[in-house]
Amino acid sequence: MSRIASVFTRANHTALISYITVGYPTVETTLKIVPLLASNGCDIIELGIPFSDPLADGATIQRAGYEALRQGVTPKVCFEVAQQLRQQIEIPLVFMTYYNPVLKFGSEQLCSKCAEVRIDGLIIPDLPPEEGQELEKSTRRHGLDLVYLLSPASTEERIKLVTSRSSGFIYLVSLTGITGARDKLPEELEGFVARVREKTEKPLCVGFGVSTPEQARRIARVADGVIVGSRIIQLLNEDKSLKNVRIFIKSLRDALL
């Protein structure tokens, strides 16, 4: 069992998964905020590798990625940051990136480096499972999970395919669209989760649009994990001291109890 999968073995526990863009607003901030997230209730942390064309991301994360790229945050820097973080925390770390950087780096080389710095898995929103066989072989070889995504628009065939191929957990996109904090989640969310639940016993985690403890509590009633990203980036923009991020993460953890 992978370290990611083991997160979901705790009875009556909903996983809290947070996303941050590596190097935003600075690398030093990343090195501070990840241990803060881990110590305040996060079970898994996604480390976003900045990319110039983040098609699944909304304005908040796009802007964060752009600023990180301007400061020279490359995949190499992201590996260095991950290696430093591993000296401080033990919870699973997952790289969230797009397929172009993976292709440029090389699947085998990327997975080998991930294993070296103790990254636990990969999330690649623009990689469909039909084209993921090569990367899947490399992730298995190096003991990594490869998490695939499903959206509410997914067909029954797509759900069957993704649930059979995703490892660690399955990332359920709460709505058809891009990332970003939203005032409310779609009314059909529970039905979507139920459709996927019929096809698999693997953990289901919901992301995109989650921005309040109330939304997290609603998700926890039907899913195994809650994923939060854009709201954390927004709070970073508002308060560089990280106090508001800490309060927010604690409020989410409390909502999931």
C-alpha atoms as a PDB file:
ATOM      1  CA  MET A   1       0.000   0.000   0.000  1.00  0.00           C
ATOM      2  CA  SER A   2       1.321   3.433  -0.941  1.00  0.00           C
ATOM      3  CA  ARG A   3       1.666   6.236   1.589  1.00  0.00           C
ATOM      4  CA  ILE A   4      -1.117   8.104  -0.216  1.00  0.00           C
ATOM      5  CA  ALA A   5      -3.482   5.124  -0.058  1.00  0.00           C
ATOM      6  CA  SER A   6      -2.690   4.642   3.637  1.00  0.00           C
ATOM      7  CA  VAL A   7      -4.116   8.118   4.372  1.00  0.00           C
ATOM      8  CA  PHE A   8      -7.572   6.758   3.571  1.00  0.00           C
ATOM      9  CA  THR A   9      -7.396   3.733   5.860  1.00  0.00           C
ATOM     10  CA  ARG A  10      -8.154   5.725   9.021  1.00  0.00           C
ATOM     11  CA  ALA A  11     -11.692   5.079  10.243  1.00  0.00           C
ATOM     12  CA  ASN A  12     -14.081   8.051  10.177  1.00  0.00           C
ATOM     13  CA  HIS A  13     -11.419  10.356   8.787  1.00  0.00           C
ATOM     14  CA  THR A  14     -11.882  12.615   5.755  1.00  0.00           C
ATOM     15  CA  ALA A  15      -8.587  13.532   4.124  1.00  0.00           C
ATOM     16  CA  LEU A  16      -7.725  17.207   3.765  1.00  0.00           C
ATOM     17  CA  ILE A  17      -5.583  17.858   0.695  1.00  0.00           C
ATOM     18  CA  SER A  18      -4.117  21.277   0.033  1.00  0.00           C
ATOM     19  CA  TYR A  19      -2.483  22.769  -3.055  1.00  0.00           C
ATOM     20  CA  ILE A  20       0.213  25.408  -3.247  1.00  0.00           C
ATOM     21  CA  THR A  21       2.247  26.698  -6.197  1.00  0.00           C
ATOM     22  CA  VAL A  22       5.934  26.069  -5.589  1.00  0.00           C
ATOM     23  CA  GLY A  23       7.815  29.356  -5.391  1.00  0.00           C
ATOM     24  CA  TYR A  24       4.808  31.614  -4.887  1.00  0.00           C
ATOM     25  CA  PRO A  25       5.182  34.245  -3.700  1.00  0.00           C
ATOM     26  CA  THR A  26       8.717  33.031  -2.948  1.00  0.00           C
ATOM     27  CA  VAL A  27      10.522  29.736  -2.470  1.00  0.00           C
ATOM     28  CA  GLU A  28      11.075  30.731   1.156  1.00  0.00           C
ATOM     29  CA  THR A  29       7.307  31.046   1.624  1.00  0.00           C
ATOM     30  CA  THR A  30       6.787  27.571   0.183  1.00  0.00           C
ATOM     31  CA  LEU A  31       9.299  26.163   2.646  1.00  0.00           C
ATOM     32  CA  LYS A  32       7.333  27.800   5.486  1.00  0.00           C
ATOM     33  CA  ILE A  33       3.772  27.139   4.402  1.00  0.00           C
ATOM     34  CA  VAL A  34       4.016  23.417   3.647  1.00  0.00           C
ATOM     35  CA  PRO A  35       5.073  22.469   7.197  1.00  0.00           C
ATOM     36  CA  LEU A  36       2.391  24.843   8.499  1.00  0.00           C
ATOM     37  CA  LEU A  37      -0.252  23.052   6.416  1.00  0.00           C
ATOM     38  CA  ALA A  38       0.984  19.671   7.600  1.00  0.00           C
ATOM     39  CA  SER A  39       0.976  20.667  11.276  1.00  0.00           C
ATOM     40  CA  ASN A  40      -2.540  22.107  11.108  1.00  0.00           C
ATOM     41  CA  GLY A  41      -4.389  19.121   9.729  1.00  0.00           C
ATOM     42  CA  CYS A  42      -3.527  18.545   6.067  1.00  0.00           C
ATOM     43  CA  ASP A  43      -3.063  14.889   5.135  1.00  0.00           C
ATOM     44  CA  ILE A  44      -1.614  15.311   1.633  1.00  0.00           C
ATOM     45  CA  ILE A  45      -0.079  18.361  -0.039  1.00  0.00           C
ATOM     46  CA  GLU A  46      -0.029  19.036  -3.769  1.00  0.00           C
ATOM     47  CA  LEU A  47       3.043  20.940  -4.909  1.00  0.00           C
ATOM     48  CA  GLY A  48       2.188  22.758  -8.130  1.00  0.00           C
ATOM     49  CA  ILE A  49       5.017  22.944 -10.644  1.00  0.00           C
ATOM     50  CA  PRO A  50       4.605  26.308 -12.422  1.00  0.00           C
ATOM     51  CA  PHE A  51       3.710  25.995 -16.114  1.00  0.00           C
ATOM     52  CA  SER A  52       3.146  28.615 -18.795  1.00  0.00           C
ATOM     53  CA  ASP A  53      -0.175  27.207 -20.052  1.00  0.00           C
ATOM     54  CA  PRO A  54      -2.111  25.823 -17.054  1.00  0.00           C
ATOM     55  CA  LEU A  55      -5.359  25.053 -18.855  1.00  0.00           C
ATOM     56  CA  ALA A  56      -7.180  23.603 -15.841  1.00  0.00           C
ATOM     57  CA  ASP A  57      -6.407  26.504 -13.555  1.00  0.00           C
ATOM     58  CA  GLY A  58      -8.324  29.692 -12.916  1.00  0.00           C
ATOM     59  CA  ALA A  59      -6.970  33.220 -12.558  1.00  0.00           C
ATOM     60  CA  THR A  60      -5.660  32.821  -9.000  1.00  0.00           C
ATOM     61  CA  ILE A  61      -3.404  29.840  -9.655  1.00  0.00           C
ATOM     62  CA  GLN A  62      -2.512  31.079 -13.144  1.00  0.00           C
ATOM     63  CA  ARG A  63      -1.212  34.304 -11.625  1.00  0.00           C
ATOM     64  CA  ALA A  64       0.722  32.424  -8.965  1.00  0.00           C
ATOM     65  CA  GLY A  65       2.334  30.216 -11.582  1.00  0.00           C
ATOM     66  CA  TYR A  66       3.221  33.195 -13.745  1.00  0.00           C
ATOM     67  CA  GLU A  67       4.934  34.960 -10.848  1.00  0.00           C
ATOM     68  CA  ALA A  68       6.827  31.814  -9.870  1.00  0.00           C
ATOM     69  CA  LEU A  69       8.034  31.352 -13.448  1.00  0.00           C
ATOM     70  CA  ARG A  70       9.190  34.977 -13.522  1.00  0.00           C
ATOM     71  CA  GLN A  71      11.318  34.225 -10.499  1.00  0.00           C
ATOM     72  CA  GLY A  72      12.943  31.260 -12.228  1.00  0.00           C
ATOM     73  CA  VAL A  73      11.071  28.407 -10.553  1.00  0.00           C
ATOM     74  CA  THR A  74      11.762  25.422 -12.813  1.00  0.00           C
ATOM     75  CA  PRO A  75      11.076  21.701 -12.271  1.00  0.00           C
ATOM     76  CA  LYS A  76      14.662  21.437 -11.021  1.00  0.00           C
ATOM     77  CA  VAL A  77      13.914  24.056  -8.352  1.00  0.00           C
ATOM     78  CA  CYS A  78      10.721  22.196  -7.440  1.00  0.00           C
ATOM     79  CA  PHE A  79      12.713  19.016  -6.830  1.00  0.00           C
ATOM     80  CA  GLU A  80      15.130  20.940  -4.625  1.00  0.00           C
ATOM     81  CA  VAL A  81      12.240  22.404  -2.645  1.00  0.00           C
ATOM     82  CA  ALA A  82      10.614  18.980  -2.250  1.00  0.00           C
ATOM     83  CA  GLN A  83      13.873  17.545  -0.982  1.00  0.00           C
ATOM     84  CA  GLN A  84      14.152  20.283   1.647  1.00  0.00           C
ATOM     85  CA  LEU A  85      10.514  19.811   2.696  1.00  0.00           C
ATOM     86  CA  ARG A  86      11.102  16.114   3.218  1.00  0.00           C
ATOM     87  CA  GLN A  87      13.515  16.977   5.995  1.00  0.00           C
ATOM     88  CA  GLN A  88      10.611  18.595   7.859  1.00  0.00           C
ATOM     89  CA  ILE A  89       7.432  16.634   7.123  1.00  0.00           C
ATOM     90  CA  GLU A  90       6.358  13.033   6.592  1.00  0.00           C
ATOM     91  CA  ILE A  91       2.887  13.344   5.049  1.00  0.00           C
ATOM     92  CA  PRO A  92       2.525  12.477   1.348  1.00  0.00           C
ATOM     93  CA  LEU A  93       3.648  15.075  -1.197  1.00  0.00           C
ATOM     94  CA  VAL A  94       2.262  15.039  -4.729  1.00  0.00           C
ATOM     95  CA  PHE A  95       3.489  17.001  -7.728  1.00  0.00           C
ATOM     96  CA  MET A  96       0.683  18.614  -9.715  1.00  0.00           C
ATOM     97  CA  THR A  97       1.898  19.512 -13.207  1.00  0.00           C
ATOM     98  CA  TYR A  98       1.003  19.313 -16.888  1.00  0.00           C
ATOM     99  CA  TYR A  99       2.170  16.788 -19.434  1.00  0.00           C
ATOM    100  CA  ASN A 100       4.440  19.106 -21.405  1.00  0.00           C
ATOM    101  CA  PRO A 101       7.001  19.423 -18.572  1.00  0.00           C
ATOM    102  CA  VAL A 102       6.812  15.656 -18.026  1.00  0.00           C
ATOM    103  CA  LEU A 103       7.457  15.030 -21.713  1.00  0.00           C
ATOM    104  CA  LYS A 104      10.381  17.431 -21.731  1.00  0.00           C
ATOM    105  CA  PHE A 105      11.892  15.959 -18.567  1.00  0.00           C
ATOM    106  CA  GLY A 106      11.240  12.375 -19.657  1.00  0.00           C
ATOM    107  CA  SER A 107       8.807  10.043 -17.886  1.00  0.00           C
ATOM    108  CA  GLU A 108      11.434   7.698 -16.516  1.00  0.00           C
ATOM    109  CA  GLN A 109      13.801  10.462 -15.475  1.00  0.00           C
ATOM    110  CA  LEU A 110      11.003  12.419 -13.786  1.00  0.00           C
ATOM    111  CA  CYS A 111       9.733   9.422 -11.819  1.00  0.00           C
ATOM    112  CA  SER A 112      13.238   8.428 -10.801  1.00  0.00           C
ATOM    113  CA  LYS A 113      13.882  11.936  -9.481  1.00  0.00           C
ATOM    114  CA  CYS A 114      10.497  11.964  -7.693  1.00  0.00           C
ATOM    115  CA  ALA A 115      11.406   8.743  -5.909  1.00  0.00           C
ATOM    116  CA  GLU A 116      14.814  10.154  -4.999  1.00  0.00           C
ATOM    117  CA  VAL A 117      13.307  13.195  -3.233  1.00  0.00           C
ATOM    118  CA  ARG A 118      10.433  11.101  -1.816  1.00  0.00           C
ATOM    119  CA  ILE A 119       7.551  12.560  -3.791  1.00  0.00           C
ATOM    120  CA  ASP A 120       4.618  10.150  -3.490  1.00  0.00           C
ATOM    121  CA  GLY A 121       2.622  10.744  -6.651  1.00  0.00           C
ATOM    122  CA  LEU A 122       1.688  12.812  -9.679  1.00  0.00           C
ATOM    123  CA  ILE A 123      -1.478  14.631 -10.758  1.00  0.00           C
ATOM    124  CA  ILE A 124      -1.496  15.667 -14.421  1.00  0.00           C
ATOM    125  CA  PRO A 125      -4.833  17.240 -15.429  1.00  0.00           C
ATOM    126  CA  ASP A 126      -4.199  17.200 -19.191  1.00  0.00           C
ATOM    127  CA  LEU A 127      -3.088  13.548 -19.359  1.00  0.00           C
ATOM    128  CA  PRO A 128      -5.962  11.253 -20.381  1.00  0.00           C
ATOM    129  CA  PRO A 129      -5.599   7.597 -19.339  1.00  0.00           C
ATOM    130  CA  GLU A 130      -5.653   6.571 -23.012  1.00  0.00           C
ATOM    131  CA  GLU A 131      -2.243   8.247 -23.339  1.00  0.00           C
ATOM    132  CA  GLY A 132      -0.876   7.483 -19.895  1.00  0.00           C
ATOM    133  CA  GLN A 133       0.507   3.967 -20.300  1.00  0.00           C
ATOM    134  CA  GLU A 134       4.166   4.969 -20.550  1.00  0.00           C
ATOM    135  CA  LEU A 135       4.002   7.205 -17.491  1.00  0.00           C
ATOM    136  CA  GLU A 136       2.027   4.576 -15.582  1.00  0.00           C
ATOM    137  CA  LYS A 137       4.830   2.055 -16.148  1.00  0.00           C
ATOM    138  CA  SER A 138       7.392   4.525 -14.838  1.00  0.00           C
ATOM    139  CA  THR A 139       5.318   5.471 -11.791  1.00  0.00           C
ATOM    140  CA  ARG A 140       4.800   1.816 -10.881  1.00  0.00           C
ATOM    141  CA  ARG A 141       8.494   1.103 -11.343  1.00  0.00           C
ATOM    142  CA  HIS A 142       9.398   3.848  -8.884  1.00  0.00           C
ATOM    143  CA  GLY A 143       6.585   3.324  -6.370  1.00  0.00           C
ATOM    144  CA  LEU A 144       4.580   6.454  -7.241  1.00  0.00           C
ATOM    145  CA  ASP A 145       0.834   6.927  -7.538  1.00  0.00           C
ATOM    146  CA  LEU A 146      -0.631   8.470 -10.695  1.00  0.00           C
ATOM    147  CA  VAL A 147      -3.910  10.225  -9.965  1.00  0.00           C
ATOM    148  CA  TYR A 148      -6.388  10.727 -12.810  1.00  0.00           C
ATOM    149  CA  LEU A 149      -9.289  13.197 -12.854  1.00  0.00           C
ATOM    150  CA  LEU A 150     -13.008  12.860 -13.552  1.00  0.00           C
ATOM    151  CA  SER A 151     -15.484  15.663 -14.177  1.00  0.00           C
ATOM    152  CA  PRO A 152     -19.306  15.734 -13.912  1.00  0.00           C
ATOM    153  CA  ALA A 153     -19.376  15.473 -17.715  1.00  0.00           C
ATOM    154  CA  SER A 154     -17.561  12.114 -17.667  1.00  0.00           C
ATOM    155  CA  THR A 155     -19.355   9.280 -19.447  1.00  0.00           C
ATOM    156  CA  GLU A 156     -19.903   5.885 -17.850  1.00  0.00           C
ATOM    157  CA  GLU A 157     -17.104   4.478 -20.017  1.00  0.00           C
ATOM    158  CA  ARG A 158     -14.737   7.235 -18.923  1.00  0.00           C
ATOM    159  CA  ILE A 159     -15.601   6.615 -15.267  1.00  0.00           C
ATOM    160  CA  LYS A 160     -14.858   2.896 -15.666  1.00  0.00           C
ATOM    161  CA  LEU A 161     -11.540   3.643 -17.364  1.00  0.00           C
ATOM    162  CA  VAL A 162     -10.319   6.219 -14.845  1.00  0.00           C
ATOM    163  CA  THR A 163     -11.401   4.228 -11.788  1.00  0.00           C
ATOM    164  CA  SER A 164      -9.495   1.214 -13.080  1.00  0.00           C
ATOM    165  CA  ARG A 165      -6.303   3.149 -13.842  1.00  0.00           C
ATOM    166  CA  SER A 166      -6.011   5.853 -11.166  1.00  0.00           C
ATOM    167  CA  SER A 167      -3.916   4.995  -8.110  1.00  0.00           C
ATOM    168  CA  GLY A 168      -3.761   6.538  -4.657  1.00  0.00           C
ATOM    169  CA  PHE A 169      -7.131   8.206  -5.075  1.00  0.00           C
ATOM    170  CA  ILE A 170      -9.437   9.526  -7.800  1.00  0.00           C
ATOM    171  CA  TYR A 171      -9.647  13.295  -8.236  1.00  0.00           C
ATOM    172  CA  LEU A 172     -13.250  14.381  -8.776  1.00  0.00           C
ATOM    173  CA  VAL A 173     -13.583  17.833 -10.319  1.00  0.00           C
ATOM    174  CA  SER A 174     -16.647  19.327  -8.633  1.00  0.00           C
ATOM    175  CA  LEU A 175     -17.737  21.258 -11.715  1.00  0.00           C
ATOM    176  CA  THR A 176     -17.122  21.571 -15.418  1.00  0.00           C
ATOM    177  CA  GLY A 177     -14.591  24.370 -15.698  1.00  0.00           C
ATOM    178  CA  ILE A 178     -11.393  25.604 -14.107  1.00  0.00           C
ATOM    179  CA  THR A 179     -10.050  25.917 -10.572  1.00  0.00           C
ATOM    180  CA  GLY A 180     -11.024  28.842  -8.357  1.00  0.00           C
ATOM    181  CA  ALA A 181     -12.773  29.620  -5.089  1.00  0.00           C
ATOM    182  CA  ARG A 182     -16.561  29.762  -5.471  1.00  0.00           C
ATOM    183  CA  ASP A 183     -19.483  30.854  -3.329  1.00  0.00           C
ATOM    184  CA  LYS A 184     -21.286  27.538  -3.734  1.00  0.00           C
ATOM    185  CA  LEU A 185     -20.787  24.079  -5.159  1.00  0.00           C
ATOM    186  CA  PRO A 186     -23.038  22.505  -7.830  1.00  0.00           C
ATOM    187  CA  GLU A 187     -26.326  21.010  -6.675  1.00  0.00           C
ATOM    188  CA  GLU A 188     -25.568  17.806  -8.579  1.00  0.00           C
ATOM    189  CA  LEU A 189     -22.287  17.153  -6.712  1.00  0.00           C
ATOM    190  CA  GLU A 190     -23.675  14.340  -4.563  1.00  0.00           C
ATOM    191  CA  GLY A 191     -25.114  12.595  -7.593  1.00  0.00           C
ATOM    192  CA  PHE A 192     -21.788  12.804  -9.407  1.00  0.00           C
ATOM    193  CA  VAL A 193     -19.896  11.301  -6.475  1.00  0.00           C
ATOM    194  CA  ALA A 194     -22.503   8.546  -6.196  1.00  0.00           C
ATOM    195  CA  ARG A 195     -22.114   7.685  -9.899  1.00  0.00           C
ATOM    196  CA  VAL A 196     -18.382   7.193  -9.445  1.00  0.00           C
ATOM    197  CA  ARG A 197     -18.805   5.366  -6.135  1.00  0.00           C
ATOM    198  CA  GLU A 198     -20.851   2.705  -7.910  1.00  0.00           C
ATOM    199  CA  LYS A 199     -17.812   1.852 -10.045  1.00  0.00           C
ATOM    200  CA  THR A 200     -15.003   1.703  -7.499  1.00  0.00           C
ATOM    201  CA  GLU A 201     -13.896   1.245  -3.907  1.00  0.00           C
ATOM    202  CA  LYS A 202     -10.887   3.527  -4.396  1.00  0.00           C
ATOM    203  CA  PRO A 203     -10.853   6.792  -2.402  1.00  0.00           C
ATOM    204  CA  LEU A 204     -12.721   9.705  -4.010  1.00  0.00           C
ATOM    205  CA  CYS A 205     -11.488  13.247  -3.386  1.00  0.00           C
ATOM    206  CA  VAL A 206     -13.317  16.375  -4.529  1.00  0.00           C
ATOM    207  CA  GLY A 207     -11.617  19.589  -5.624  1.00  0.00           C
ATOM    208  CA  PHE A 208     -12.184  22.771  -7.698  1.00  0.00           C
ATOM    209  CA  GLY A 209     -14.187  25.551  -6.101  1.00  0.00           C
ATOM    210  CA  VAL A 210     -13.860  24.530  -2.456  1.00  0.00           C
ATOM    211  CA  SER A 211     -13.383  27.650  -0.341  1.00  0.00           C
ATOM    212  CA  THR A 212     -15.329  27.384   2.943  1.00  0.00           C
ATOM    213  CA  PRO A 213     -15.657  24.993   5.894  1.00  0.00           C
ATOM    214  CA  GLU A 214     -19.334  24.549   5.020  1.00  0.00           C
ATOM    215  CA  GLN A 215     -18.463  23.346   1.530  1.00  0.00           C
ATOM    216  CA  ALA A 216     -15.835  20.999   2.954  1.00  0.00           C
ATOM    217  CA  ARG A 217     -18.373  19.568   5.403  1.00  0.00           C
ATOM    218  CA  ARG A 218     -20.836  18.943   2.568  1.00  0.00           C
ATOM    219  CA  ILE A 219     -18.203  17.112   0.537  1.00  0.00           C
ATOM    220  CA  ALA A 220     -17.145  15.031   3.535  1.00  0.00           C
ATOM    221  CA  ARG A 221     -20.633  13.531   3.739  1.00  0.00           C
ATOM    222  CA  VAL A 222     -20.136  11.748   0.414  1.00  0.00           C
ATOM    223  CA  ALA A 223     -16.405  11.697  -0.414  1.00  0.00           C
ATOM    224  CA  ASP A 224     -13.172  10.490   1.174  1.00  0.00           C
ATOM    225  CA  GLY A 225     -11.192  13.695   0.754  1.00  0.00           C
ATOM    226  CA  VAL A 226     -11.478  17.452   0.191  1.00  0.00           C
ATOM    227  CA  ILE A 227      -9.004  19.351  -2.003  1.00  0.00           C
ATOM    228  CA  VAL A 228      -8.424  23.094  -1.503  1.00  0.00           C
ATOM    229  CA  GLY A 229      -6.082  25.290  -3.552  1.00  0.00           C
ATOM    230  CA  SER A 230      -7.150  28.690  -4.857  1.00  0.00           C
ATOM    231  CA  ARG A 231      -8.451  29.920  -1.505  1.00  0.00           C
ATOM    232  CA  ILE A 232      -5.073  29.199   0.090  1.00  0.00           C
ATOM    233  CA  ILE A 233      -3.328  31.213  -2.643  1.00  0.00           C
ATOM    234  CA  GLN A 234      -5.787  34.079  -2.103  1.00  0.00           C
ATOM    235  CA  LEU A 235      -5.050  34.100   1.625  1.00  0.00           C
ATOM    236  CA  LEU A 236      -1.328  34.171   0.870  1.00  0.00           C
ATOM    237  CA  ASN A 237      -1.930  37.297  -1.186  1.00  0.00           C
ATOM    238  CA  GLU A 238      -3.878  38.940   1.637  1.00  0.00           C
ATOM    239  CA  ASP A 239      -1.591  38.058   4.538  1.00  0.00           C
ATOM    240  CA  LYS A 240       2.071  37.198   4.073  1.00  0.00           C
ATOM    241  CA  SER A 241       2.368  36.262   7.770  1.00  0.00           C
ATOM    242  CA  LEU A 242       0.468  32.995   7.021  1.00  0.00           C
ATOM    243  CA  LYS A 243      -1.760  33.548  10.066  1.00  0.00           C
ATOM    244  CA  ASN A 244      -4.928  33.559   7.961  1.00  0.00           C
ATOM    245  CA  VAL A 245      -3.859  30.409   6.127  1.00  0.00           C
ATOM    246  CA  ARG A 246      -3.372  28.638   9.451  1.00  0.00           C
ATOM    247  CA  ILE A 247      -6.790  29.750  10.719  1.00  0.00           C
ATOM    248  CA  PHE A 248      -8.438  28.663   7.466  1.00  0.00           C
ATOM    249  CA  ILE A 249      -6.846  25.214   7.431  1.00  0.00           C
ATOM    250  CA  LYS A 250      -7.805  24.646  11.066  1.00  0.00           C
ATOM    251  CA  SER A 251     -11.388  25.626  10.261  1.00  0.00           C
ATOM    252  CA  LEU A 252     -11.468  23.093   7.424  1.00  0.00           C
ATOM    253  CA  ARG A 253     -10.020  20.361   9.623  1.00  0.00           C
ATOM    254  CA  ASP A 254     -12.602  21.098  12.306  1.00  0.00           C
ATOM    255  CA  ALA A 255     -15.379  20.967   9.706  1.00  0.00           C
ATOM    256  CA  LEU A 256     -14.273  17.482   8.665  1.00  0.00           C
ATOM    257  CA  LEU A 257     -14.332  15.998  12.177  1.00  0.00           C
END
